[in-house]
Amino acid sequence: MLLHIIINIIIILSVLIGAFFVFSASIGIIRFPDVYTKLHAATKAPTLGLASLLIGAFMFLFIQHDIVSGKLLLAILFILITNPVSAHMISRAAHANGVKPVIKNRKDAYENYKTRIQSK
């Protein structure tokens, strides 16, 4: 009985943590000024948030109904793999198109790398 209560608390905490990260990411998308910071908010926090929500759903189905959901496990895996990769590719495309960050006193190491490669 005590173990059942502890597992339910873990499931509730997992879902609440996931909801918090997804909510904070939505606020970050609205509040941040440029593409790069919005992209950071749109990918980093939702990755953790959705993974936490899906882990909570998986644990609920497994503990309460004895169901092992392969779809939830695959969704967690795909989110953890594709979200950071897509963020990287979108930020590289934005950089290649000349989108500059809001902070102007930032060193652009990728731009320096591209000019060194092109000059060789």
PDB file of N, CA and C in Angstrom:
ATOM      1  N   MET A   1       0.819  -1.196   0.000  1.00  0.00           N
ATOM      2  CA  MET A   1       0.000   0.000   0.000  1.00  0.00           C
ATOM      3  C   MET A   1       0.861   1.258   0.000  1.00  0.00           C
ATOM      4  N   LEU A   2       1.896   1.301   0.813  1.00  0.00           N
ATOM      5  CA  LEU A   2       2.778   2.458   0.874  1.00  0.00           C
ATOM      6  C   LEU A   2       3.547   2.612  -0.432  1.00  0.00           C
ATOM      7  N   LEU A   3       3.965   1.483  -1.008  1.00  0.00           N
ATOM      8  CA  LEU A   3       4.678   1.530  -2.286  1.00  0.00           C
ATOM      9  C   LEU A   3       3.778   2.091  -3.390  1.00  0.00           C
ATOM     10  N   HIS A   4       2.510   1.739  -3.348  1.00  0.00           N
ATOM     11  CA  HIS A   4       1.552   2.242  -4.335  1.00  0.00           C
ATOM     12  C   HIS A   4       1.400   3.768  -4.223  1.00  0.00           C
ATOM     13  N   ILE A   5       1.379   4.281  -3.020  1.00  0.00           N
ATOM     14  CA  ILE A   5       1.268   5.726  -2.800  1.00  0.00           C
ATOM     15  C   ILE A   5       2.527   6.437  -3.289  1.00  0.00           C
ATOM     16  N   ILE A   6       3.682   5.870  -2.997  1.00  0.00           N
ATOM     17  CA  ILE A   6       4.945   6.470  -3.434  1.00  0.00           C
ATOM     18  C   ILE A   6       5.033   6.499  -4.953  1.00  0.00           C
ATOM     19  N   ILE A   7       4.625   5.428  -5.602  1.00  0.00           N
ATOM     20  CA  ILE A   7       4.656   5.383  -7.069  1.00  0.00           C
ATOM     21  C   ILE A   7       3.683   6.398  -7.659  1.00  0.00           C
ATOM     22  N   ASN A   8       2.512   6.537  -7.057  1.00  0.00           N
ATOM     23  CA  ASN A   8       1.561   7.551  -7.531  1.00  0.00           C
ATOM     24  C   ASN A   8       2.122   8.965  -7.367  1.00  0.00           C
ATOM     25  N   ILE A   9       2.825   9.215  -6.275  1.00  0.00           N
ATOM     26  CA  ILE A   9       3.452  10.531  -6.079  1.00  0.00           C
ATOM     27  C   ILE A   9       4.520  10.773  -7.127  1.00  0.00           C
ATOM     28  N   ILE A  10       5.294   9.754  -7.470  1.00  0.00           N
ATOM     29  CA  ILE A  10       6.324   9.886  -8.514  1.00  0.00           C
ATOM     30  C   ILE A  10       5.680  10.174  -9.864  1.00  0.00           C
ATOM     31  N   ILE A  11       4.577   9.507 -10.162  1.00  0.00           N
ATOM     32  CA  ILE A  11       3.867   9.755 -11.419  1.00  0.00           C
ATOM     33  C   ILE A  11       3.336  11.182 -11.457  1.00  0.00           C
ATOM     34  N   ILE A  12       2.738  11.630 -10.368  1.00  0.00           N
ATOM     35  CA  ILE A  12       2.199  12.992 -10.302  1.00  0.00           C
ATOM     36  C   ILE A  12       3.313  14.016 -10.456  1.00  0.00           C
ATOM     37  N   LEU A  13       4.434  13.810  -9.774  1.00  0.00           N
ATOM     38  CA  LEU A  13       5.570  14.731  -9.893  1.00  0.00           C
ATOM     39  C   LEU A  13       6.124  14.763 -11.316  1.00  0.00           C
ATOM     40  N   SER A  14       6.192  13.618 -11.957  1.00  0.00           N
ATOM     41  CA  SER A  14       6.688  13.569 -13.333  1.00  0.00           C
ATOM     42  C   SER A  14       5.788  14.370 -14.269  1.00  0.00           C
ATOM     43  N   VAL A  15       4.499  14.212 -14.120  1.00  0.00           N
ATOM     44  CA  VAL A  15       3.561  14.951 -14.973  1.00  0.00           C
ATOM     45  C   VAL A  15       3.606  16.448 -14.663  1.00  0.00           C
ATOM     46  N   LEU A  16       3.688  16.815 -13.389  1.00  0.00           N
ATOM     47  CA  LEU A  16       3.751  18.227 -13.034  1.00  0.00           C
ATOM     48  C   LEU A  16       5.052  18.884 -13.501  1.00  0.00           C
ATOM     49  N   ILE A  17       6.154  18.186 -13.372  1.00  0.00           N
ATOM     50  CA  ILE A  17       7.432  18.721 -13.859  1.00  0.00           C
ATOM     51  C   ILE A  17       7.381  18.903 -15.367  1.00  0.00           C
ATOM     52  N   GLY A  18       6.827  17.915 -16.067  1.00  0.00           N
ATOM     53  CA  GLY A  18       6.684  18.041 -17.519  1.00  0.00           C
ATOM     54  C   GLY A  18       5.804  19.209 -17.918  1.00  0.00           C
ATOM     55  N   ALA A  19       4.697  19.388 -17.218  1.00  0.00           N
ATOM     56  CA  ALA A  19       3.802  20.511 -17.521  1.00  0.00           C
ATOM     57  C   ALA A  19       4.481  21.841 -17.238  1.00  0.00           C
ATOM     58  N   PHE A  20       5.271  21.907 -16.161  1.00  0.00           N
ATOM     59  CA  PHE A  20       5.994  23.137 -15.847  1.00  0.00           C
ATOM     60  C   PHE A  20       6.979  23.492 -16.952  1.00  0.00           C
ATOM     61  N   PHE A  21       7.744  22.517 -17.436  1.00  0.00           N
ATOM     62  CA  PHE A  21       8.724  22.810 -18.479  1.00  0.00           C
ATOM     63  C   PHE A  21       8.063  23.198 -19.797  1.00  0.00           C
ATOM     64  N   VAL A  22       6.975  22.561 -20.146  1.00  0.00           N
ATOM     65  CA  VAL A  22       6.270  22.935 -21.376  1.00  0.00           C
ATOM     66  C   VAL A  22       5.678  24.341 -21.239  1.00  0.00           C
ATOM     67  N   PHE A  23       5.115  24.656 -20.078  1.00  0.00           N
ATOM     68  CA  PHE A  23       4.562  25.993 -19.848  1.00  0.00           C
ATOM     69  C   PHE A  23       5.662  27.061 -19.870  1.00  0.00           C
ATOM     70  N   SER A  24       6.784  26.784 -19.219  1.00  0.00           N
ATOM     71  CA  SER A  24       7.877  27.763 -19.219  1.00  0.00           C
ATOM     72  C   SER A  24       8.455  27.949 -20.617  1.00  0.00           C
ATOM     73  N   ALA A  25       8.456  26.904 -21.421  1.00  0.00           N
ATOM     74  CA  ALA A  25       8.922  27.042 -22.798  1.00  0.00           C
ATOM     75  C   ALA A  25       7.988  27.936 -23.604  1.00  0.00           C
ATOM     76  N   SER A  26       6.690  27.823 -23.382  1.00  0.00           N
ATOM     77  CA  SER A  26       5.754  28.674 -24.116  1.00  0.00           C
ATOM     78  C   SER A  26       5.919  30.139 -23.717  1.00  0.00           C
ATOM     79  N   ILE A  27       6.196  30.392 -22.460  1.00  0.00           N
ATOM     80  CA  ILE A  27       6.470  31.771 -22.036  1.00  0.00           C
ATOM     81  C   ILE A  27       7.768  32.265 -22.654  1.00  0.00           C
ATOM     82  N   GLY A  28       8.783  31.406 -22.717  1.00  0.00           N
ATOM     83  CA  GLY A  28      10.061  31.783 -23.325  1.00  0.00           C
ATOM     84  C   GLY A  28       9.934  32.116 -24.798  1.00  0.00           C
ATOM     85  N   ILE A  29       9.097  31.385 -25.504  1.00  0.00           N
ATOM     86  CA  ILE A  29       8.897  31.670 -26.929  1.00  0.00           C
ATOM     87  C   ILE A  29       8.287  33.054 -27.106  1.00  0.00           C
ATOM     88  N   ILE A  30       7.395  33.426 -26.235  1.00  0.00           N
ATOM     89  CA  ILE A  30       6.755  34.737 -26.335  1.00  0.00           C
ATOM     90  C   ILE A  30       7.701  35.859 -25.904  1.00  0.00           C
ATOM     91  N   ARG A  31       8.480  35.640 -24.857  1.00  0.00           N
ATOM     92  CA  ARG A  31       9.248  36.719 -24.237  1.00  0.00           C
ATOM     93  C   ARG A  31      10.632  36.954 -24.839  1.00  0.00           C
ATOM     94  N   PHE A  32      11.283  35.919 -25.366  1.00  0.00           N
ATOM     95  CA  PHE A  32      12.654  36.087 -25.840  1.00  0.00           C
ATOM     96  C   PHE A  32      12.700  36.903 -27.127  1.00  0.00           C
ATOM     97  N   PRO A  33      13.790  37.667 -27.341  1.00  0.00           N
ATOM     98  CA  PRO A  33      13.796  38.654 -28.414  1.00  0.00           C
ATOM     99  C   PRO A  33      14.165  38.143 -29.809  1.00  0.00           C
ATOM    100  N   ASP A  34      15.079  37.189 -29.938  1.00  0.00           N
ATOM    101  CA  ASP A  34      15.548  36.831 -31.277  1.00  0.00           C
ATOM    102  C   ASP A  34      15.333  35.353 -31.565  1.00  0.00           C
ATOM    103  N   VAL A  35      15.704  34.974 -32.776  1.00  0.00           N
ATOM    104  CA  VAL A  35      15.467  33.614 -33.257  1.00  0.00           C
ATOM    105  C   VAL A  35      16.204  32.584 -32.411  1.00  0.00           C
ATOM    106  N   TYR A  36      17.428  32.871 -32.051  1.00  0.00           N
ATOM    107  CA  TYR A  36      18.253  31.880 -31.362  1.00  0.00           C
ATOM    108  C   TYR A  36      17.752  31.607 -29.944  1.00  0.00           C
ATOM    109  N   THR A  37      17.386  32.633 -29.232  1.00  0.00           N
ATOM    110  CA  THR A  37      16.881  32.415 -27.882  1.00  0.00           C
ATOM    111  C   THR A  37      15.476  31.803 -27.911  1.00  0.00           C
ATOM    112  N   LYS A  38      14.663  32.191 -28.883  1.00  0.00           N
ATOM    113  CA  LYS A  38      13.351  31.562 -29.023  1.00  0.00           C
ATOM    114  C   LYS A  38      13.486  30.098 -29.396  1.00  0.00           C
ATOM    115  N   LEU A  39      14.458  29.808 -30.245  1.00  0.00           N
ATOM    116  CA  LEU A  39      14.701  28.426 -30.628  1.00  0.00           C
ATOM    117  C   LEU A  39      15.179  27.609 -29.432  1.00  0.00           C
ATOM    118  N   HIS A  40      16.002  28.224 -28.602  1.00  0.00           N
ATOM    119  CA  HIS A  40      16.457  27.560 -27.384  1.00  0.00           C
ATOM    120  C   HIS A  40      15.262  27.238 -26.485  1.00  0.00           C
ATOM    121  N   ALA A  41      14.376  28.192 -26.326  1.00  0.00           N
ATOM    122  CA  ALA A  41      13.192  27.972 -25.489  1.00  0.00           C
ATOM    123  C   ALA A  41      12.247  26.960 -26.116  1.00  0.00           C
ATOM    124  N   ALA A  42      12.202  26.930 -27.444  1.00  0.00           N
ATOM    125  CA  ALA A  42      11.258  26.046 -28.128  1.00  0.00           C
ATOM    126  C   ALA A  42      11.742  24.604 -28.217  1.00  0.00           C
ATOM    127  N   THR A  43      13.003  24.358 -27.901  1.00  0.00           N
ATOM    128  CA  THR A  43      13.497  22.988 -28.037  1.00  0.00           C
ATOM    129  C   THR A  43      14.026  22.382 -26.742  1.00  0.00           C
ATOM    130  N   LYS A  44      14.731  23.125 -25.952  1.00  0.00           N
ATOM    131  CA  LYS A  44      15.364  22.534 -24.767  1.00  0.00           C
ATOM    132  C   LYS A  44      14.343  22.172 -23.692  1.00  0.00           C
ATOM    133  N   ALA A  45      13.530  23.117 -23.286  1.00  0.00           N
ATOM    134  CA  ALA A  45      12.560  22.848 -22.230  1.00  0.00           C
ATOM    135  C   ALA A  45      11.454  21.878 -22.664  1.00  0.00           C
ATOM    136  N   PRO A  46      10.908  21.997 -23.870  1.00  0.00           N
ATOM    137  CA  PRO A  46       9.889  21.017 -24.257  1.00  0.00           C
ATOM    138  C   PRO A  46      10.426  19.596 -24.398  1.00  0.00           C
ATOM    139  N   THR A  47      11.710  19.457 -24.727  1.00  0.00           N
ATOM    140  CA  THR A  47      12.276  18.120 -24.795  1.00  0.00           C
ATOM    141  C   THR A  47      12.200  17.455 -23.428  1.00  0.00           C
ATOM    142  N   LEU A  48      12.641  18.164 -22.413  1.00  0.00           N
ATOM    143  CA  LEU A  48      12.574  17.624 -21.053  1.00  0.00           C
ATOM    144  C   LEU A  48      11.131  17.503 -20.581  1.00  0.00           C
ATOM    145  N   GLY A  49      10.308  18.486 -20.905  1.00  0.00           N
ATOM    146  CA  GLY A  49       8.918  18.469 -20.468  1.00  0.00           C
ATOM    147  C   GLY A  49       8.113  17.335 -21.082  1.00  0.00           C
ATOM    148  N   LEU A  50       8.234  17.167 -22.388  1.00  0.00           N
ATOM    149  CA  LEU A  50       7.477  16.094 -23.041  1.00  0.00           C
ATOM    150  C   LEU A  50       7.990  14.723 -22.632  1.00  0.00           C
ATOM    151  N   ALA A  51       9.303  14.603 -22.481  1.00  0.00           N
ATOM    152  CA  ALA A  51       9.842  13.325 -22.021  1.00  0.00           C
ATOM    153  C   ALA A  51       9.326  13.006 -20.621  1.00  0.00           C
ATOM    154  N   SER A  52       9.270  13.996 -19.757  1.00  0.00           N
ATOM    155  CA  SER A  52       8.764  13.779 -18.405  1.00  0.00           C
ATOM    156  C   SER A  52       7.277  13.433 -18.416  1.00  0.00           C
ATOM    157  N   LEU A  53       6.493  14.117 -19.233  1.00  0.00           N
ATOM    158  CA  LEU A  53       5.070  13.791 -19.347  1.00  0.00           C
ATOM    159  C   LEU A  53       4.864  12.371 -19.860  1.00  0.00           C
ATOM    160  N   LEU A  54       5.628  11.984 -20.875  1.00  0.00           N
ATOM    161  CA  LEU A  54       5.466  10.648 -21.441  1.00  0.00           C
ATOM    162  C   LEU A  54       5.957   9.566 -20.484  1.00  0.00           C
ATOM    163  N   ILE A  55       7.003   9.862 -19.722  1.00  0.00           N
ATOM    164  CA  ILE A  55       7.457   8.897 -18.709  1.00  0.00           C
ATOM    165  C   ILE A  55       6.383   8.729 -17.638  1.00  0.00           C
ATOM    166  N   GLY A  56       5.759   9.824 -17.227  1.00  0.00           N
ATOM    167  CA  GLY A  56       4.662   9.734 -16.268  1.00  0.00           C
ATOM    168  C   GLY A  56       3.491   8.931 -16.813  1.00  0.00           C
ATOM    169  N   ALA A  57       3.152   9.140 -18.091  1.00  0.00           N
ATOM    170  CA  ALA A  57       2.060   8.379 -18.707  1.00  0.00           C
ATOM    171  C   ALA A  57       2.425   6.897 -18.814  1.00  0.00           C
ATOM    172  N   PHE A  58       3.684   6.625 -19.172  1.00  0.00           N
ATOM    173  CA  PHE A  58       4.125   5.227 -19.262  1.00  0.00           C
ATOM    174  C   PHE A  58       4.065   4.546 -17.901  1.00  0.00           C
ATOM    175  N   MET A  59       4.548   5.240 -16.876  1.00  0.00           N
ATOM    176  CA  MET A  59       4.523   4.655 -15.538  1.00  0.00           C
ATOM    177  C   MET A  59       3.089   4.428 -15.061  1.00  0.00           C
ATOM    178  N   PHE A  60       2.199   5.369 -15.365  1.00  0.00           N
ATOM    179  CA  PHE A  60       0.792   5.207 -14.983  1.00  0.00           C
ATOM    180  C   PHE A  60       0.186   3.973 -15.649  1.00  0.00           C
ATOM    181  N   LEU A  61       0.397   3.835 -16.955  1.00  0.00           N
ATOM    182  CA  LEU A  61      -0.166   2.681 -17.658  1.00  0.00           C
ATOM    183  C   LEU A  61       0.436   1.375 -17.164  1.00  0.00           C
ATOM    184  N   PHE A  62       1.732   1.404 -16.873  1.00  0.00           N
ATOM    185  CA  PHE A  62       2.394   0.179 -16.434  1.00  0.00           C
ATOM    186  C   PHE A  62       1.963  -0.216 -15.016  1.00  0.00           C
ATOM    187  N   ILE A  63       1.890   0.740 -14.113  1.00  0.00           N
ATOM    188  CA  ILE A  63       1.558   0.429 -12.726  1.00  0.00           C
ATOM    189  C   ILE A  63       0.057   0.168 -12.542  1.00  0.00           C
ATOM    190  N   GLN A  64      -0.777   1.030 -13.114  1.00  0.00           N
ATOM    191  CA  GLN A  64      -2.217   0.932 -12.864  1.00  0.00           C
ATOM    192  C   GLN A  64      -2.908  -0.136 -13.707  1.00  0.00           C
ATOM    193  N   HIS A  65      -2.468  -0.270 -14.985  1.00  0.00           N
ATOM    194  CA  HIS A  65      -3.202  -1.146 -15.900  1.00  0.00           C
ATOM    195  C   HIS A  65      -2.364  -2.290 -16.446  1.00  0.00           C
ATOM    196  N   ASP A  66      -1.117  -2.428 -16.016  1.00  0.00           N
ATOM    197  CA  ASP A  66      -0.210  -3.483 -16.484  1.00  0.00           C
ATOM    198  C   ASP A  66      -0.048  -3.480 -18.011  1.00  0.00           C
ATOM    199  N   ILE A  67       0.057  -2.284 -18.571  1.00  0.00           N
ATOM    200  CA  ILE A  67       0.245  -2.129 -20.015  1.00  0.00           C
ATOM    201  C   ILE A  67       1.643  -1.575 -20.260  1.00  0.00           C
ATOM    202  N   VAL A  68       2.401  -2.255 -21.103  1.00  0.00           N
ATOM    203  CA  VAL A  68       3.706  -1.743 -21.525  1.00  0.00           C
ATOM    204  C   VAL A  68       3.496  -1.107 -22.896  1.00  0.00           C
ATOM    205  N   SER A  69       3.544   0.199 -22.950  1.00  0.00           N
ATOM    206  CA  SER A  69       3.255   0.916 -24.186  1.00  0.00           C
ATOM    207  C   SER A  69       4.546   1.189 -24.951  1.00  0.00           C
ATOM    208  N   GLY A  70       4.724   0.458 -26.015  1.00  0.00           N
ATOM    209  CA  GLY A  70       5.896   0.671 -26.863  1.00  0.00           C
ATOM    210  C   GLY A  70       5.819   1.995 -27.591  1.00  0.00           C
ATOM    211  N   LYS A  71       4.613   2.447 -27.863  1.00  0.00           N
ATOM    212  CA  LYS A  71       4.452   3.732 -28.549  1.00  0.00           C
ATOM    213  C   LYS A  71       4.970   4.881 -27.691  1.00  0.00           C
ATOM    214  N   LEU A  72       4.702   4.840 -26.403  1.00  0.00           N
ATOM    215  CA  LEU A  72       5.210   5.894 -25.520  1.00  0.00           C
ATOM    216  C   LEU A  72       6.731   5.847 -25.432  1.00  0.00           C
ATOM    217  N   LEU A  73       7.286   4.651 -25.358  1.00  0.00           N
ATOM    218  CA  LEU A  73       8.746   4.531 -25.302  1.00  0.00           C
ATOM    219  C   LEU A  73       9.391   5.035 -26.595  1.00  0.00           C
ATOM    220  N   LEU A  74       8.785   4.715 -27.733  1.00  0.00           N
ATOM    221  CA  LEU A  74       9.305   5.212 -29.012  1.00  0.00           C
ATOM    222  C   LEU A  74       9.150   6.730 -29.118  1.00  0.00           C
ATOM    223  N   ALA A  75       8.047   7.255 -28.614  1.00  0.00           N
ATOM    224  CA  ALA A  75       7.855   8.709 -28.646  1.00  0.00           C
ATOM    225  C   ALA A  75       8.911   9.409 -27.799  1.00  0.00           C
ATOM    226  N   ILE A  76       9.223   8.862 -26.621  1.00  0.00           N
ATOM    227  CA  ILE A  76      10.278   9.440 -25.785  1.00  0.00           C
ATOM    228  C   ILE A  76      11.606   9.406 -26.518  1.00  0.00           C
ATOM    229  N   LEU A  77      11.919   8.278 -27.125  1.00  0.00           N
ATOM    230  CA  LEU A  77      13.180   8.129 -27.857  1.00  0.00           C
ATOM    231  C   LEU A  77      13.261   9.115 -29.019  1.00  0.00           C
ATOM    232  N   PHE A  78      12.200   9.219 -29.805  1.00  0.00           N
ATOM    233  CA  PHE A  78      12.221  10.117 -30.962  1.00  0.00           C
ATOM    234  C   PHE A  78      12.316  11.583 -30.547  1.00  0.00           C
ATOM    235  N   ILE A  79      11.634  11.951 -29.488  1.00  0.00           N
ATOM    236  CA  ILE A  79      11.712  13.337 -29.015  1.00  0.00           C
ATOM    237  C   ILE A  79      13.124  13.661 -28.547  1.00  0.00           C
ATOM    238  N   LEU A  80      13.727  12.748 -27.798  1.00  0.00           N
ATOM    239  CA  LEU A  80      15.078  12.990 -27.292  1.00  0.00           C
ATOM    240  C   LEU A  80      16.122  13.031 -28.408  1.00  0.00           C
ATOM    241  N   ILE A  81      15.851  12.355 -29.513  1.00  0.00           N
ATOM    242  CA  ILE A  81      16.808  12.357 -30.630  1.00  0.00           C
ATOM    243  C   ILE A  81      16.551  13.517 -31.587  1.00  0.00           C
ATOM    244  N   THR A  82      15.307  13.708 -31.986  1.00  0.00           N
ATOM    245  CA  THR A  82      15.029  14.647 -33.073  1.00  0.00           C
ATOM    246  C   THR A  82      14.951  16.104 -32.650  1.00  0.00           C
ATOM    247  N   ASN A  83      14.535  16.392 -31.445  1.00  0.00           N
ATOM    248  CA  ASN A  83      14.366  17.779 -31.032  1.00  0.00           C
ATOM    249  C   ASN A  83      15.689  18.548 -30.995  1.00  0.00           C
ATOM    250  N   PRO A  84      16.740  18.040 -30.373  1.00  0.00           N
ATOM    251  CA  PRO A  84      18.005  18.780 -30.399  1.00  0.00           C
ATOM    252  C   PRO A  84      18.617  18.882 -31.798  1.00  0.00           C
ATOM    253  N   VAL A  85      18.467  17.840 -32.599  1.00  0.00           N
ATOM    254  CA  VAL A  85      19.020  17.869 -33.957  1.00  0.00           C
ATOM    255  C   VAL A  85      18.287  18.901 -34.810  1.00  0.00           C
ATOM    256  N   SER A  86      16.973  18.950 -34.701  1.00  0.00           N
ATOM    257  CA  SER A  86      16.220  19.928 -35.478  1.00  0.00           C
ATOM    258  C   SER A  86      16.555  21.352 -35.035  1.00  0.00           C
ATOM    259  N   ALA A  87      16.748  21.563 -33.743  1.00  0.00           N
ATOM    260  CA  ALA A  87      17.129  22.897 -33.265  1.00  0.00           C
ATOM    261  C   ALA A  87      18.479  23.309 -33.834  1.00  0.00           C
ATOM    262  N   HIS A  88      19.402  22.384 -33.872  1.00  0.00           N
ATOM    263  CA  HIS A  88      20.722  22.681 -34.417  1.00  0.00           C
ATOM    264  C   HIS A  88      20.627  23.037 -35.900  1.00  0.00           C
ATOM    265  N   MET A  89      19.857  22.285 -36.651  1.00  0.00           N
ATOM    266  CA  MET A  89      19.745  22.542 -38.084  1.00  0.00           C
ATOM    267  C   MET A  89      19.014  23.860 -38.365  1.00  0.00           C
ATOM    268  N   ILE A  90      18.004  24.183 -37.594  1.00  0.00           N
ATOM    269  CA  ILE A  90      17.295  25.444 -37.784  1.00  0.00           C
ATOM    270  C   ILE A  90      18.192  26.623 -37.441  1.00  0.00           C
ATOM    271  N   SER A  91      18.979  26.492 -36.368  1.00  0.00           N
ATOM    272  CA  SER A  91      19.874  27.596 -36.005  1.00  0.00           C
ATOM    273  C   SER A  91      20.990  27.767 -37.031  1.00  0.00           C
ATOM    274  N   ARG A  92      21.478  26.683 -37.600  1.00  0.00           N
ATOM    275  CA  ARG A  92      22.495  26.809 -38.653  1.00  0.00           C
ATOM    276  C   ARG A  92      21.907  27.451 -39.902  1.00  0.00           C
ATOM    277  N   ALA A  93      20.663  27.107 -40.229  1.00  0.00           N
ATOM    278  CA  ALA A  93      20.017  27.721 -41.390  1.00  0.00           C
ATOM    279  C   ALA A  93      19.786  29.209 -41.151  1.00  0.00           C
ATOM    280  N   ALA A  94      19.403  29.572 -39.941  1.00  0.00           N
ATOM    281  CA  ALA A  94      19.222  30.992 -39.625  1.00  0.00           C
ATOM    282  C   ALA A  94      20.548  31.734 -39.707  1.00  0.00           C
ATOM    283  N   HIS A  95      21.606  31.115 -39.219  1.00  0.00           N
ATOM    284  CA  HIS A  95      22.930  31.747 -39.274  1.00  0.00           C
ATOM    285  C   HIS A  95      23.408  31.874 -40.711  1.00  0.00           C
ATOM    286  N   ALA A  96      23.156  30.856 -41.513  1.00  0.00           N
ATOM    287  CA  ALA A  96      23.575  30.895 -42.924  1.00  0.00           C
ATOM    288  C   ALA A  96      22.826  31.971 -43.697  1.00  0.00           C
ATOM    289  N   ASN A  97      21.605  32.288 -43.278  1.00  0.00           N
ATOM    290  CA  ASN A  97      20.825  33.329 -43.941  1.00  0.00           C
ATOM    291  C   ASN A  97      21.106  34.717 -43.385  1.00  0.00           C
ATOM    292  N   GLY A  98      22.050  34.824 -42.455  1.00  0.00           N
ATOM    293  CA  GLY A  98      22.474  36.125 -41.967  1.00  0.00           C
ATOM    294  C   GLY A  98      21.691  36.671 -40.793  1.00  0.00           C
ATOM    295  N   VAL A  99      20.935  35.843 -40.111  1.00  0.00           N
ATOM    296  CA  VAL A  99      20.190  36.308 -38.942  1.00  0.00           C
ATOM    297  C   VAL A  99      21.183  36.477 -37.799  1.00  0.00           C
ATOM    298  N   LYS A 100      21.253  37.676 -37.270  1.00  0.00           N
ATOM    299  CA  LYS A 100      22.191  37.978 -36.189  1.00  0.00           C
ATOM    300  C   LYS A 100      21.472  37.964 -34.853  1.00  0.00           C
ATOM    301  N   PRO A 101      22.181  37.574 -33.779  1.00  0.00           N
ATOM    302  CA  PRO A 101      21.562  37.649 -32.453  1.00  0.00           C
ATOM    303  C   PRO A 101      21.391  39.091 -31.990  1.00  0.00           C
ATOM    304  N   VAL A 102      20.540  39.282 -31.003  1.00  0.00           N
ATOM    305  CA  VAL A 102      20.251  40.629 -30.513  1.00  0.00           C
ATOM    306  C   VAL A 102      21.484  41.239 -29.851  1.00  0.00           C
ATOM    307  N   ILE A 103      22.216  40.472 -29.073  1.00  0.00           N
ATOM    308  CA  ILE A 103      23.403  40.984 -28.393  1.00  0.00           C
ATOM    309  C   ILE A 103      24.516  41.156 -29.419  1.00  0.00           C
ATOM    310  N   LYS A 104      25.006  42.375 -29.583  1.00  0.00           N
ATOM    311  CA  LYS A 104      25.955  42.660 -30.652  1.00  0.00           C
ATOM    312  C   LYS A 104      27.413  42.448 -30.234  1.00  0.00           C
ATOM    313  N   ASN A 105      27.700  42.357 -28.962  1.00  0.00           N
ATOM    314  CA  ASN A 105      29.073  42.191 -28.498  1.00  0.00           C
ATOM    315  C   ASN A 105      29.445  40.727 -28.308  1.00  0.00           C
ATOM    316  N   ARG A 106      28.858  39.865 -29.083  1.00  0.00           N
ATOM    317  CA  ARG A 106      29.102  38.438 -28.965  1.00  0.00           C
ATOM    318  C   ARG A 106      30.065  38.009 -30.060  1.00  0.00           C
ATOM    319  N   LYS A 107      31.029  37.162 -29.715  1.00  0.00           N
ATOM    320  CA  LYS A 107      31.945  36.626 -30.708  1.00  0.00           C
ATOM    321  C   LYS A 107      31.242  35.518 -31.490  1.00  0.00           C
ATOM    322  N   ASP A 108      31.413  35.536 -32.784  1.00  0.00           N
ATOM    323  CA  ASP A 108      30.769  34.547 -33.637  1.00  0.00           C
ATOM    324  C   ASP A 108      31.824  33.557 -34.119  1.00  0.00           C
ATOM    325  N   ALA A 109      32.019  32.498 -33.376  1.00  0.00           N
ATOM    326  CA  ALA A 109      33.049  31.513 -33.693  1.00  0.00           C
ATOM    327  C   ALA A 109      32.723  30.778 -34.989  1.00  0.00           C
ATOM    328  N   TYR A 110      31.451  30.534 -35.251  1.00  0.00           N
ATOM    329  CA  TYR A 110      31.082  29.828 -36.474  1.00  0.00           C
ATOM    330  C   TYR A 110      31.364  30.677 -37.706  1.00  0.00           C
ATOM    331  N   GLU A 111      31.139  31.967 -37.613  1.00  0.00           N
ATOM    332  CA  GLU A 111      31.445  32.865 -38.733  1.00  0.00           C
ATOM    333  C   GLU A 111      32.946  32.896 -38.995  1.00  0.00           C
ATOM    334  N   ASN A 112      33.741  32.942 -37.924  1.00  0.00           N
ATOM    335  CA  ASN A 112      35.190  32.904 -38.084  1.00  0.00           C
ATOM    336  C   ASN A 112      35.636  31.596 -38.725  1.00  0.00           C
ATOM    337  N   TYR A 113      35.018  30.497 -38.329  1.00  0.00           N
ATOM    338  CA  TYR A 113      35.346  29.201 -38.908  1.00  0.00           C
ATOM    339  C   TYR A 113      35.000  29.166 -40.400  1.00  0.00           C
ATOM    340  N   LYS A 114      33.831  29.693 -40.745  1.00  0.00           N
ATOM    341  CA  LYS A 114      33.427  29.692 -42.161  1.00  0.00           C
ATOM    342  C   LYS A 114      34.357  30.524 -43.016  1.00  0.00           C
ATOM    343  N   THR A 115      34.823  31.675 -42.505  1.00  0.00           N
ATOM    344  CA  THR A 115      35.731  32.508 -43.297  1.00  0.00           C
ATOM    345  C   THR A 115      37.097  31.857 -43.446  1.00  0.00           C
ATOM    346  N   ARG A 116      37.547  31.135 -42.414  1.00  0.00           N
ATOM    347  CA  ARG A 116      38.824  30.420 -42.535  1.00  0.00           C
ATOM    348  C   ARG A 116      38.731  29.299 -43.554  1.00  0.00           C
ATOM    349  N   ILE A 117      37.639  28.588 -43.581  1.00  0.00           N
ATOM    350  CA  ILE A 117      37.449  27.475 -44.526  1.00  0.00           C
ATOM    351  C   ILE A 117      37.351  28.020 -45.947  1.00  0.00           C
ATOM    352  N   GLN A 118      36.630  29.125 -46.134  1.00  0.00           N
ATOM    353  CA  GLN A 118      36.447  29.678 -47.472  1.00  0.00           C
ATOM    354  C   GLN A 118      37.742  30.305 -47.993  1.00  0.00           C
ATOM    355  N   SER A 119      38.616  30.770 -47.117  1.00  0.00           N
ATOM    356  CA  SER A 119      39.838  31.398 -47.574  1.00  0.00           C
ATOM    357  C   SER A 119      40.921  30.381 -47.951  1.00  0.00           C
ATOM    358  N   LYS A 120      40.751  29.145 -47.550  1.00  0.00           N
ATOM    359  CA  LYS A 120      41.751  28.110 -47.887  1.00  0.00           C
ATOM    360  C   LYS A 120      41.634  27.625 -49.297  1.00  0.00           C
TER     361      LYS A 120
END
